[in-house]
């Protein structure tokens, strides 16, 4: 079996080219494939390979104090879902291009843990009785494979389009607790911070995104699968791939 990992970590990186070179060296040593993005604000990675090689990579990565706290989401497949290894330097580890969206400057947005969100979904409200609105920060292609039942979805093709697409809904969200979510947490984290900086003080982010929710809760309240950016196409709530031909 192939072990697939998804992870991101916001941390100040003064030397992105050196970090990218080191990450490439570690990944190549283990025969890993996938995509790694490195920027001054942190690292974002999707990698696949033999389980022992993945763990060796993570152990070596965490030897760098900047990445000691990186949180990893795991899934498995019979075949390798990536064609090759790509390590890229970027301005942001997920492009958003909005002030007030970096945890390095403002700290993390408040979070809700998957188990807590599952309870709110069953209640239809948070623990203080405010109505619950789940805000999908992904694009329309991803949403087509599945999302939380009744979620507010936006007709966007790029994450940078979210602020304008959200504008018509903002007044209707004023009395709700809004939980932003995405695949693994990085987009909903930036979106939640930006919304807070832009005057919305009722926004939380789903810790670990959909994949973290699947890992810890399963599919309660979720309809369909979660799109992933590789040859598996999408994962169901048991983290089984939509496409996974026998090796």
C-alpha atoms as a PDB file:
ATOM      1  CA  UNK A   1       0.000   0.000   0.000  1.00  0.00           C
ATOM      2  CA  UNK A   2       0.989   3.598  -0.644  1.00  0.00           C
ATOM      3  CA  UNK A   3       0.813   6.114   2.203  1.00  0.00           C
ATOM      4  CA  UNK A   4      -0.454   9.547   1.113  1.00  0.00           C
ATOM      5  CA  UNK A   5       0.039  12.593   3.310  1.00  0.00           C
ATOM      6  CA  UNK A   6      -1.310  16.128   3.206  1.00  0.00           C
ATOM      7  CA  UNK A   7       0.063  18.827   5.478  1.00  0.00           C
ATOM      8  CA  UNK A   8       0.690  22.532   5.777  1.00  0.00           C
ATOM      9  CA  UNK A   9       2.415  24.662   8.368  1.00  0.00           C
ATOM     10  CA  UNK A  10       2.528  28.428   8.669  1.00  0.00           C
ATOM     11  CA  UNK A  11       5.932  29.538   9.932  1.00  0.00           C
ATOM     12  CA  UNK A  12       8.343  32.301   8.958  1.00  0.00           C
ATOM     13  CA  UNK A  13      10.928  31.002   6.493  1.00  0.00           C
ATOM     14  CA  UNK A  14      13.778  33.403   5.793  1.00  0.00           C
ATOM     15  CA  UNK A  15      15.449  31.075   3.295  1.00  0.00           C
ATOM     16  CA  UNK A  16      12.753  29.455   1.087  1.00  0.00           C
ATOM     17  CA  UNK A  17      15.221  28.276  -1.623  1.00  0.00           C
ATOM     18  CA  UNK A  18      17.331  26.458   0.957  1.00  0.00           C
ATOM     19  CA  UNK A  19      14.273  24.846   2.529  1.00  0.00           C
ATOM     20  CA  UNK A  20      12.956  23.799  -0.875  1.00  0.00           C
ATOM     21  CA  UNK A  21      16.317  22.231  -1.737  1.00  0.00           C
ATOM     22  CA  UNK A  22      16.408  20.338   1.560  1.00  0.00           C
ATOM     23  CA  UNK A  23      12.840  19.091   1.161  1.00  0.00           C
ATOM     24  CA  UNK A  24      13.582  17.924  -2.364  1.00  0.00           C
ATOM     25  CA  UNK A  25      16.669  16.080  -1.142  1.00  0.00           C
ATOM     26  CA  UNK A  26      14.685  14.316   1.595  1.00  0.00           C
ATOM     27  CA  UNK A  27      11.802  13.407  -0.713  1.00  0.00           C
ATOM     28  CA  UNK A  28      14.054  12.121  -3.468  1.00  0.00           C
ATOM     29  CA  UNK A  29      15.995   9.994  -0.980  1.00  0.00           C
ATOM     30  CA  UNK A  30      12.763   8.176  -0.125  1.00  0.00           C
ATOM     31  CA  UNK A  31      11.472   7.927  -3.673  1.00  0.00           C
ATOM     32  CA  UNK A  32       8.487  10.100  -2.816  1.00  0.00           C
ATOM     33  CA  UNK A  33       6.225  11.773  -5.353  1.00  0.00           C
ATOM     34  CA  UNK A  34       3.838  14.673  -5.076  1.00  0.00           C
ATOM     35  CA  UNK A  35       3.916  18.431  -4.714  1.00  0.00           C
ATOM     36  CA  UNK A  36       5.599  20.650  -2.148  1.00  0.00           C
ATOM     37  CA  UNK A  37       5.131  24.431  -2.043  1.00  0.00           C
ATOM     38  CA  UNK A  38       7.527  26.581  -0.027  1.00  0.00           C
ATOM     39  CA  UNK A  39       7.116  30.306   0.676  1.00  0.00           C
ATOM     40  CA  UNK A  40       8.182  32.851   3.217  1.00  0.00           C
ATOM     41  CA  UNK A  41       4.983  32.086   5.152  1.00  0.00           C
ATOM     42  CA  UNK A  42       5.458  28.316   5.426  1.00  0.00           C
ATOM     43  CA  UNK A  43       5.140  24.977   3.658  1.00  0.00           C
ATOM     44  CA  UNK A  44       2.302  23.067   1.970  1.00  0.00           C
ATOM     45  CA  UNK A  45       2.791  19.470   0.864  1.00  0.00           C
ATOM     46  CA  UNK A  46       1.050  16.488  -0.700  1.00  0.00           C
ATOM     47  CA  UNK A  47       3.333  13.454  -0.876  1.00  0.00           C
ATOM     48  CA  UNK A  48       3.006   9.728  -1.472  1.00  0.00           C
ATOM     49  CA  UNK A  49       5.291   6.747  -1.096  1.00  0.00           C
ATOM     50  CA  UNK A  50       6.158   3.695   0.953  1.00  0.00           C
ATOM     51  CA  UNK A  51       5.060   4.077   4.567  1.00  0.00           C
ATOM     52  CA  UNK A  52       8.590   3.735   5.957  1.00  0.00           C
ATOM     53  CA  UNK A  53       9.891   6.339   3.495  1.00  0.00           C
ATOM     54  CA  UNK A  54       7.118   8.791   4.398  1.00  0.00           C
ATOM     55  CA  UNK A  55       7.858   8.432   8.113  1.00  0.00           C
ATOM     56  CA  UNK A  56      11.582   8.879   7.534  1.00  0.00           C
ATOM     57  CA  UNK A  57      10.844  12.033   5.534  1.00  0.00           C
ATOM     58  CA  UNK A  58       8.608  13.428   8.287  1.00  0.00           C
ATOM     59  CA  UNK A  59      11.120  12.609  11.014  1.00  0.00           C
ATOM     60  CA  UNK A  60      13.838  14.450   9.089  1.00  0.00           C
ATOM     61  CA  UNK A  61      11.534  17.399   8.331  1.00  0.00           C
ATOM     62  CA  UNK A  62      10.570  17.715  11.991  1.00  0.00           C
ATOM     63  CA  UNK A  63      14.224  17.808  12.987  1.00  0.00           C
ATOM     64  CA  UNK A  64      14.045  21.394  11.753  1.00  0.00           C
ATOM     65  CA  UNK A  65      12.471  23.277  14.705  1.00  0.00           C
ATOM     66  CA  UNK A  66      10.402  25.356  12.294  1.00  0.00           C
ATOM     67  CA  UNK A  67       8.476  22.263  11.225  1.00  0.00           C
ATOM     68  CA  UNK A  68       8.422  20.306  14.488  1.00  0.00           C
ATOM     69  CA  UNK A  69       4.707  20.996  14.938  1.00  0.00           C
ATOM     70  CA  UNK A  70       3.504  20.141  11.443  1.00  0.00           C
ATOM     71  CA  UNK A  71       0.239  18.156  11.527  1.00  0.00           C
ATOM     72  CA  UNK A  72      -0.204  15.462   8.887  1.00  0.00           C
ATOM     73  CA  UNK A  73      -3.365  13.873   7.487  1.00  0.00           C
ATOM     74  CA  UNK A  74      -2.968  10.356   6.122  1.00  0.00           C
ATOM     75  CA  UNK A  75      -4.764   8.125   3.634  1.00  0.00           C
ATOM     76  CA  UNK A  76      -3.807   4.998   1.712  1.00  0.00           C
ATOM     77  CA  UNK A  77      -4.099   3.739  -1.840  1.00  0.00           C
ATOM     78  CA  UNK A  78      -2.979   0.690  -3.764  1.00  0.00           C
ATOM     79  CA  UNK A  79      -1.272   2.758  -6.448  1.00  0.00           C
ATOM     80  CA  UNK A  80       0.918   5.861  -6.547  1.00  0.00           C
ATOM     81  CA  UNK A  81      -1.367   8.847  -7.300  1.00  0.00           C
ATOM     82  CA  UNK A  82       1.388  11.237  -8.409  1.00  0.00           C
ATOM     83  CA  UNK A  83       3.442  11.023 -11.598  1.00  0.00           C
ATOM     84  CA  UNK A  84       6.523  12.780 -10.228  1.00  0.00           C
ATOM     85  CA  UNK A  85       7.942  14.983  -7.498  1.00  0.00           C
ATOM     86  CA  UNK A  86       7.528  18.765  -7.781  1.00  0.00           C
ATOM     87  CA  UNK A  87       9.001  21.236  -5.301  1.00  0.00           C
ATOM     88  CA  UNK A  88       8.107  24.857  -6.017  1.00  0.00           C
ATOM     89  CA  UNK A  89       8.846  28.277  -4.568  1.00  0.00           C
ATOM     90  CA  UNK A  90       5.789  30.509  -4.200  1.00  0.00           C
ATOM     91  CA  UNK A  91       4.810  33.915  -2.837  1.00  0.00           C
ATOM     92  CA  UNK A  92       2.130  32.201  -0.693  1.00  0.00           C
ATOM     93  CA  UNK A  93       1.609  28.530   0.100  1.00  0.00           C
ATOM     94  CA  UNK A  94      -1.952  29.070  -1.085  1.00  0.00           C
ATOM     95  CA  UNK A  95      -2.586  32.151  -3.192  1.00  0.00           C
ATOM     96  CA  UNK A  96      -5.153  34.527  -1.696  1.00  0.00           C
ATOM     97  CA  UNK A  97      -3.572  37.971  -2.051  1.00  0.00           C
ATOM     98  CA  UNK A  98      -5.553  39.613   0.745  1.00  0.00           C
ATOM     99  CA  UNK A  99      -4.259  41.572   3.725  1.00  0.00           C
ATOM    100  CA  UNK A 100      -5.157  40.158   7.118  1.00  0.00           C
ATOM    101  CA  UNK A 101      -5.070  36.521   6.016  1.00  0.00           C
ATOM    102  CA  UNK A 102      -1.682  35.432   7.377  1.00  0.00           C
ATOM    103  CA  UNK A 103      -1.478  33.614  10.729  1.00  0.00           C
ATOM    104  CA  UNK A 104       2.107  34.890  11.005  1.00  0.00           C
ATOM    105  CA  UNK A 105       0.806  38.414  11.509  1.00  0.00           C
ATOM    106  CA  UNK A 106      -2.471  37.870  13.354  1.00  0.00           C
ATOM    107  CA  UNK A 107      -2.235  34.421  14.898  1.00  0.00           C
ATOM    108  CA  UNK A 108      -4.569  31.605  13.987  1.00  0.00           C
ATOM    109  CA  UNK A 109      -8.289  32.124  13.639  1.00  0.00           C
ATOM    110  CA  UNK A 110     -10.410  30.384  16.287  1.00  0.00           C
ATOM    111  CA  UNK A 111     -10.984  26.730  15.447  1.00  0.00           C
ATOM    112  CA  UNK A 112     -13.671  24.128  15.931  1.00  0.00           C
ATOM    113  CA  UNK A 113     -12.592  20.513  16.331  1.00  0.00           C
ATOM    114  CA  UNK A 114     -14.239  17.851  14.126  1.00  0.00           C
ATOM    115  CA  UNK A 115     -16.008  16.169  17.056  1.00  0.00           C
ATOM    116  CA  UNK A 116     -17.437  19.496  18.203  1.00  0.00           C
ATOM    117  CA  UNK A 117     -18.626  20.350  14.701  1.00  0.00           C
ATOM    118  CA  UNK A 118     -20.302  16.947  14.401  1.00  0.00           C
ATOM    119  CA  UNK A 119     -22.245  17.710  17.575  1.00  0.00           C
ATOM    120  CA  UNK A 120     -23.253  21.128  16.242  1.00  0.00           C
ATOM    121  CA  UNK A 121     -24.395  19.575  12.973  1.00  0.00           C
ATOM    122  CA  UNK A 122     -26.640  17.174  14.878  1.00  0.00           C
ATOM    123  CA  UNK A 123     -27.974  20.051  17.003  1.00  0.00           C
ATOM    124  CA  UNK A 124     -28.321  22.457  14.073  1.00  0.00           C
ATOM    125  CA  UNK A 125     -26.724  25.149  16.233  1.00  0.00           C
ATOM    126  CA  UNK A 126     -23.644  25.824  18.324  1.00  0.00           C
ATOM    127  CA  UNK A 127     -23.615  25.298  22.088  1.00  0.00           C
ATOM    128  CA  UNK A 128     -25.025  28.777  22.717  1.00  0.00           C
ATOM    129  CA  UNK A 129     -27.928  28.186  20.334  1.00  0.00           C
ATOM    130  CA  UNK A 130     -26.722  30.257  17.382  1.00  0.00           C
ATOM    131  CA  UNK A 131     -27.648  28.777  14.027  1.00  0.00           C
ATOM    132  CA  UNK A 132     -24.829  27.037  12.221  1.00  0.00           C
ATOM    133  CA  UNK A 133     -23.634  27.970   8.734  1.00  0.00           C
ATOM    134  CA  UNK A 134     -20.939  25.859   7.080  1.00  0.00           C
ATOM    135  CA  UNK A 135     -19.023  27.906   4.515  1.00  0.00           C
ATOM    136  CA  UNK A 136     -17.258  25.988   1.747  1.00  0.00           C
ATOM    137  CA  UNK A 137     -14.153  27.888   0.661  1.00  0.00           C
ATOM    138  CA  UNK A 138     -13.319  25.528  -2.235  1.00  0.00           C
ATOM    139  CA  UNK A 139     -14.086  25.987  -5.933  1.00  0.00           C
ATOM    140  CA  UNK A 140     -17.099  24.751  -7.850  1.00  0.00           C
ATOM    141  CA  UNK A 141     -15.281  21.743  -9.360  1.00  0.00           C
ATOM    142  CA  UNK A 142     -14.370  20.446  -5.922  1.00  0.00           C
ATOM    143  CA  UNK A 143     -17.835  21.117  -4.546  1.00  0.00           C
ATOM    144  CA  UNK A 144     -19.284  19.019  -7.367  1.00  0.00           C
ATOM    145  CA  UNK A 145     -17.839  15.877  -5.757  1.00  0.00           C
ATOM    146  CA  UNK A 146     -19.353  16.583  -2.351  1.00  0.00           C
ATOM    147  CA  UNK A 147     -19.741  18.995   0.538  1.00  0.00           C
ATOM    148  CA  UNK A 148     -21.451  19.275   3.902  1.00  0.00           C
ATOM    149  CA  UNK A 149     -25.227  19.044   3.669  1.00  0.00           C
ATOM    150  CA  UNK A 150     -26.753  22.519   3.437  1.00  0.00           C
ATOM    151  CA  UNK A 151     -23.372  24.268   3.250  1.00  0.00           C
ATOM    152  CA  UNK A 152     -23.087  27.745   1.791  1.00  0.00           C
ATOM    153  CA  UNK A 153     -21.186  27.228  -1.467  1.00  0.00           C
ATOM    154  CA  UNK A 154     -19.856  29.978  -3.695  1.00  0.00           C
ATOM    155  CA  UNK A 155     -19.607  29.984  -7.519  1.00  0.00           C
ATOM    156  CA  UNK A 156     -15.848  30.461  -7.666  1.00  0.00           C
ATOM    157  CA  UNK A 157     -13.109  28.913  -9.768  1.00  0.00           C
ATOM    158  CA  UNK A 158     -10.186  30.332  -7.786  1.00  0.00           C
ATOM    159  CA  UNK A 159      -9.677  30.916  -4.080  1.00  0.00           C
ATOM    160  CA  UNK A 160      -8.805  34.555  -4.796  1.00  0.00           C
ATOM    161  CA  UNK A 161     -12.411  35.068  -5.970  1.00  0.00           C
ATOM    162  CA  UNK A 162     -13.889  34.240  -2.560  1.00  0.00           C
ATOM    163  CA  UNK A 163     -14.120  37.755  -1.036  1.00  0.00           C
ATOM    164  CA  UNK A 164     -16.241  39.136  -3.883  1.00  0.00           C
ATOM    165  CA  UNK A 165     -18.416  36.018  -4.048  1.00  0.00           C
ATOM    166  CA  UNK A 166     -19.094  36.191  -0.316  1.00  0.00           C
ATOM    167  CA  UNK A 167     -20.219  39.840  -0.347  1.00  0.00           C
ATOM    168  CA  UNK A 168     -23.938  39.200  -1.145  1.00  0.00           C
ATOM    169  CA  UNK A 169     -24.222  36.769   1.772  1.00  0.00           C
ATOM    170  CA  UNK A 170     -22.559  38.725   4.538  1.00  0.00           C
ATOM    171  CA  UNK A 171     -25.608  40.436   6.019  1.00  0.00           C
ATOM    172  CA  UNK A 172     -27.465  37.113   6.202  1.00  0.00           C
ATOM    173  CA  UNK A 173     -24.597  35.574   8.185  1.00  0.00           C
ATOM    174  CA  UNK A 174     -24.550  38.186  10.937  1.00  0.00           C
ATOM    175  CA  UNK A 175     -26.619  36.147  13.420  1.00  0.00           C
ATOM    176  CA  UNK A 176     -24.936  32.790  12.744  1.00  0.00           C
ATOM    177  CA  UNK A 177     -21.788  31.003  13.792  1.00  0.00           C
ATOM    178  CA  UNK A 178     -19.915  30.522  10.522  1.00  0.00           C
ATOM    179  CA  UNK A 179     -17.532  27.574  10.200  1.00  0.00           C
ATOM    180  CA  UNK A 180     -15.275  27.805   7.167  1.00  0.00           C
ATOM    181  CA  UNK A 181     -13.920  24.576   5.722  1.00  0.00           C
ATOM    182  CA  UNK A 182     -11.835  23.266   2.829  1.00  0.00           C
ATOM    183  CA  UNK A 183      -9.925  20.106   1.917  1.00  0.00           C
ATOM    184  CA  UNK A 184      -7.133  20.125   4.480  1.00  0.00           C
ATOM    185  CA  UNK A 185      -7.514  23.397   6.371  1.00  0.00           C
ATOM    186  CA  UNK A 186      -5.219  25.865   4.644  1.00  0.00           C
ATOM    187  CA  UNK A 187      -7.812  27.794   2.631  1.00  0.00           C
ATOM    188  CA  UNK A 188     -10.405  27.936   5.391  1.00  0.00           C
ATOM    189  CA  UNK A 189      -7.686  29.173   7.751  1.00  0.00           C
ATOM    190  CA  UNK A 190      -6.772  32.064   5.479  1.00  0.00           C
ATOM    191  CA  UNK A 191     -10.415  32.789   4.684  1.00  0.00           C
ATOM    192  CA  UNK A 192     -11.408  32.863   8.353  1.00  0.00           C
ATOM    193  CA  UNK A 193      -8.583  35.259   9.206  1.00  0.00           C
ATOM    194  CA  UNK A 194      -9.464  37.559   6.332  1.00  0.00           C
ATOM    195  CA  UNK A 195     -13.153  37.561   7.280  1.00  0.00           C
ATOM    196  CA  UNK A 196     -12.261  38.438  10.866  1.00  0.00           C
ATOM    197  CA  UNK A 197      -9.959  41.237   9.724  1.00  0.00           C
ATOM    198  CA  UNK A 198     -12.773  42.468   7.484  1.00  0.00           C
ATOM    199  CA  UNK A 199     -15.228  42.785  10.355  1.00  0.00           C
ATOM    200  CA  UNK A 200     -16.815  39.333  10.712  1.00  0.00           C
ATOM    201  CA  UNK A 201     -16.253  38.292  14.325  1.00  0.00           C
ATOM    202  CA  UNK A 202     -18.471  35.187  14.158  1.00  0.00           C
ATOM    203  CA  UNK A 203     -16.196  32.981  12.037  1.00  0.00           C
ATOM    204  CA  UNK A 204     -14.365  29.792  12.987  1.00  0.00           C
ATOM    205  CA  UNK A 205     -12.286  27.390  10.921  1.00  0.00           C
ATOM    206  CA  UNK A 206     -12.697  23.609  10.841  1.00  0.00           C
ATOM    207  CA  UNK A 207      -9.486  22.181  12.298  1.00  0.00           C
ATOM    208  CA  UNK A 208      -7.905  19.848   9.745  1.00  0.00           C
ATOM    209  CA  UNK A 209     -10.474  20.541   7.042  1.00  0.00           C
ATOM    210  CA  UNK A 210     -12.628  17.853   5.475  1.00  0.00           C
ATOM    211  CA  UNK A 211      -9.844  15.260   5.510  1.00  0.00           C
ATOM    212  CA  UNK A 212      -9.305  15.789   9.226  1.00  0.00           C
ATOM    213  CA  UNK A 213     -13.064  15.509   9.770  1.00  0.00           C
ATOM    214  CA  UNK A 214     -13.168  12.232   7.835  1.00  0.00           C
ATOM    215  CA  UNK A 215     -10.236  10.884   9.876  1.00  0.00           C
ATOM    216  CA  UNK A 216     -11.754  11.698  13.250  1.00  0.00           C
ATOM    217  CA  UNK A 217     -15.523  11.658  12.702  1.00  0.00           C
ATOM    218  CA  UNK A 218     -16.336   9.988   9.391  1.00  0.00           C
ATOM    219  CA  UNK A 219     -19.075  11.250   7.142  1.00  0.00           C
ATOM    220  CA  UNK A 220     -21.662  12.599   9.566  1.00  0.00           C
ATOM    221  CA  UNK A 221     -23.392  15.513   7.839  1.00  0.00           C
ATOM    222  CA  UNK A 222     -21.312  15.207   4.681  1.00  0.00           C
ATOM    223  CA  UNK A 223     -22.751  14.346   1.264  1.00  0.00           C
ATOM    224  CA  UNK A 224     -20.470  12.689  -1.286  1.00  0.00           C
ATOM    225  CA  UNK A 225     -16.687  12.669  -1.483  1.00  0.00           C
ATOM    226  CA  UNK A 226     -13.839  15.139  -0.995  1.00  0.00           C
ATOM    227  CA  UNK A 227     -11.966  16.132  -4.157  1.00  0.00           C
ATOM    228  CA  UNK A 228      -8.180  15.761  -3.965  1.00  0.00           C
ATOM    229  CA  UNK A 229      -5.588  17.111  -6.361  1.00  0.00           C
ATOM    230  CA  UNK A 230      -4.132  13.871  -7.679  1.00  0.00           C
ATOM    231  CA  UNK A 231      -5.041  10.769  -9.653  1.00  0.00           C
ATOM    232  CA  UNK A 232      -7.306   9.414  -6.895  1.00  0.00           C
ATOM    233  CA  UNK A 233      -9.712  12.250  -7.821  1.00  0.00           C
ATOM    234  CA  UNK A 234     -11.721  12.136  -4.587  1.00  0.00           C
ATOM    235  CA  UNK A 235     -11.888  10.349  -1.214  1.00  0.00           C
ATOM    236  CA  UNK A 236     -14.983   9.060   0.557  1.00  0.00           C
ATOM    237  CA  UNK A 237     -15.538   9.529   4.313  1.00  0.00           C
ATOM    238  CA  UNK A 238     -13.593   6.297   4.930  1.00  0.00           C
ATOM    239  CA  UNK A 239     -10.680   7.905   3.014  1.00  0.00           C
ATOM    240  CA  UNK A 240     -11.025   5.397   0.185  1.00  0.00           C
ATOM    241  CA  UNK A 241     -10.160   6.770  -3.275  1.00  0.00           C
ATOM    242  CA  UNK A 242     -12.634   7.093  -6.102  1.00  0.00           C
ATOM    243  CA  UNK A 243      -9.940   5.933  -8.563  1.00  0.00           C
ATOM    244  CA  UNK A 244      -7.450   3.326  -7.362  1.00  0.00           C
ATOM    245  CA  UNK A 245      -6.747   0.594  -9.924  1.00  0.00           C
ATOM    246  CA  UNK A 246      -4.924  -2.515  -8.791  1.00  0.00           C
ATOM    247  CA  UNK A 247      -1.161  -2.174  -9.023  1.00  0.00           C
END
